[in-house]
Every structure is written in C-alpha cells, then in structure tokens.
Protein backbone atom coordinates (compact mmCIF):
# COMPACT_ATOMS: atom_id res chain seq x y z
CA ALA A 1 -14.57 127.65 73.16
CA SER A 2 -11.89 127.50 72.67
CA ILE A 3 -7.91 129.38 71.45
CA THR A 4 -5.93 128.41 68.68
CA TRP A 5 -2.52 128.56 67.70
CA GLN A 6 -2.56 128.93 63.39
CA TYR A 7 0.89 128.57 61.36
CA GLY A 8 -0.14 127.57 57.67
CA VAL A 9 0.85 130.64 56.39
CA SER A 10 4.23 131.06 58.64
CA ASN A 11 7.78 129.53 57.56
CA PRO A 12 6.95 125.64 57.50
CA ASP A 13 10.26 124.50 59.16
CA PHE A 14 9.96 127.20 60.94
CA ALA A 15 6.51 126.93 62.33
CA ARG A 16 7.09 123.27 63.39
CA MET A 17 9.55 123.77 65.71
CA GLN A 18 7.47 126.23 67.73
CA GLY A 19 4.71 124.48 67.41
CA LYS A 20 5.97 121.15 69.09
CA GLU A 21 7.93 123.33 71.88
CA LEU A 22 4.52 125.08 71.99
CA LEU A 23 3.10 121.73 72.40
CA ASN A 24 5.29 120.81 75.21
CA HIS A 25 4.92 124.19 77.50
CA LEU A 26 0.95 123.15 76.45
CA ASN A 27 0.80 119.65 77.73
CA ASP A 28 3.13 120.38 80.52
CA THR A 29 1.66 124.11 81.91
CA LEU A 30 -1.64 122.76 81.32
CA ALA A 31 -1.79 118.70 82.35
CA HIS A 32 -3.84 119.37 85.38
CA LEU A 33 -7.04 121.34 83.65
CA PRO A 34 -10.17 119.94 82.08
CA VAL A 35 -8.83 120.63 78.55
CA GLU A 36 -7.91 119.04 75.68
CA VAL A 37 -4.54 120.00 73.35
CA VAL A 38 -5.82 119.39 69.64
CA VAL A 39 -2.90 119.47 67.27
CA GLY A 40 -3.49 119.76 63.28
CA LYS A 41 -1.17 120.28 60.00
CA SER A 42 -1.13 124.16 61.52
CA PHE A 43 -2.35 123.95 64.15
CA VAL A 44 -2.56 123.91 67.88
CA ARG A 45 -5.79 124.18 69.97
CA VAL A 46 -6.19 124.57 73.04
CA ARG A 47 -10.21 123.76 74.05
CA HIS A 48 -12.85 122.01 77.05
CA GLN A 49 -12.10 118.87 77.32
CA GLY A 50 -15.36 116.94 75.34
CA VAL A 51 -16.86 120.42 73.29
CA THR A 52 -16.53 119.63 69.33
CA LYS A 53 -18.23 120.88 67.18
CA GLY A 54 -21.14 117.90 67.31
CA ASN A 55 -21.11 117.77 70.62
CA LEU A 56 -22.75 121.30 70.35
CA VAL A 57 -25.10 120.20 67.42
CA SER A 58 -25.95 117.13 68.70
CA HIS A 59 -26.86 119.42 72.18
CA ILE A 60 -29.17 122.25 70.36
CA ILE A 61 -30.69 118.73 68.04
CA GLN A 62 -31.79 117.91 71.49
CA HIS A 63 -32.94 120.96 73.64
CA TYR A 64 -35.08 122.09 70.44
CA SER A 65 -36.02 118.64 70.04
CA SER A 66 -38.15 117.91 73.45
CA ARG A 67 -40.17 121.61 73.21
CA GLY A 68 -41.47 120.50 69.64
CA GLY A 69 -38.61 120.55 67.21
CA GLY A 70 -37.77 123.11 64.54
CA ASP A 71 -39.15 122.83 61.00
CA PHE A 72 -34.73 123.75 59.58
CA LEU A 73 -31.47 123.34 61.49
CA LEU A 74 -28.32 124.78 59.73
CA CYS A 75 -25.14 124.49 61.16
CA LEU A 76 -21.93 125.96 59.89
CA GLY A 77 -17.88 126.49 60.08
CA GLY A 78 -15.50 127.89 59.92
CA ASP A 79 -11.67 126.25 59.69
CA PRO A 80 -9.96 127.17 57.03
CA ILE A 81 -9.30 124.41 54.44
CA TYR A 82 -5.37 124.09 53.91
C-alpha cells in the first residue's frame, strides 16, 4: 500500500517547490517508521519499505509455484507516463 501526491498537471515551478517542502516534512515526520519516501518526475510517494510491484510479483510466483504452478500469470501496472 502507498499514498502518492501526483502533480504532473500542475504549474511546474509551484509544484516543484511544494514537492520539495512535502519531501522535507515527510522525511522529518516519518524518519522513525519503516517507510520509504519515493520522489519521481511528477510525484512524491510514501510506501512500506521493500514493498514494490516487483516484490509482489515475485511473491505471487513463489506462492503459485509451491502449489503446482499455473498456466498463465498476467501482471499490469497503472502508472501514468508523462
């Protein structure tokens, strides 16, 4: 699970300033918790440490492999491309 502040369609200068301020606040406030603050081109995301789409897919594959496998596995992401 994660929470994301997306600012891809905002005023670039204002969004960049607000994103940096948000990043500073999150790093200070969440420093003692097992979370990662991830900064992308147009977003700031907070997620549990080590939780990624890749780790989830690996877990799903291991889960089904230990139960005899499956014929087909489809994994899709929903990240927009700017």
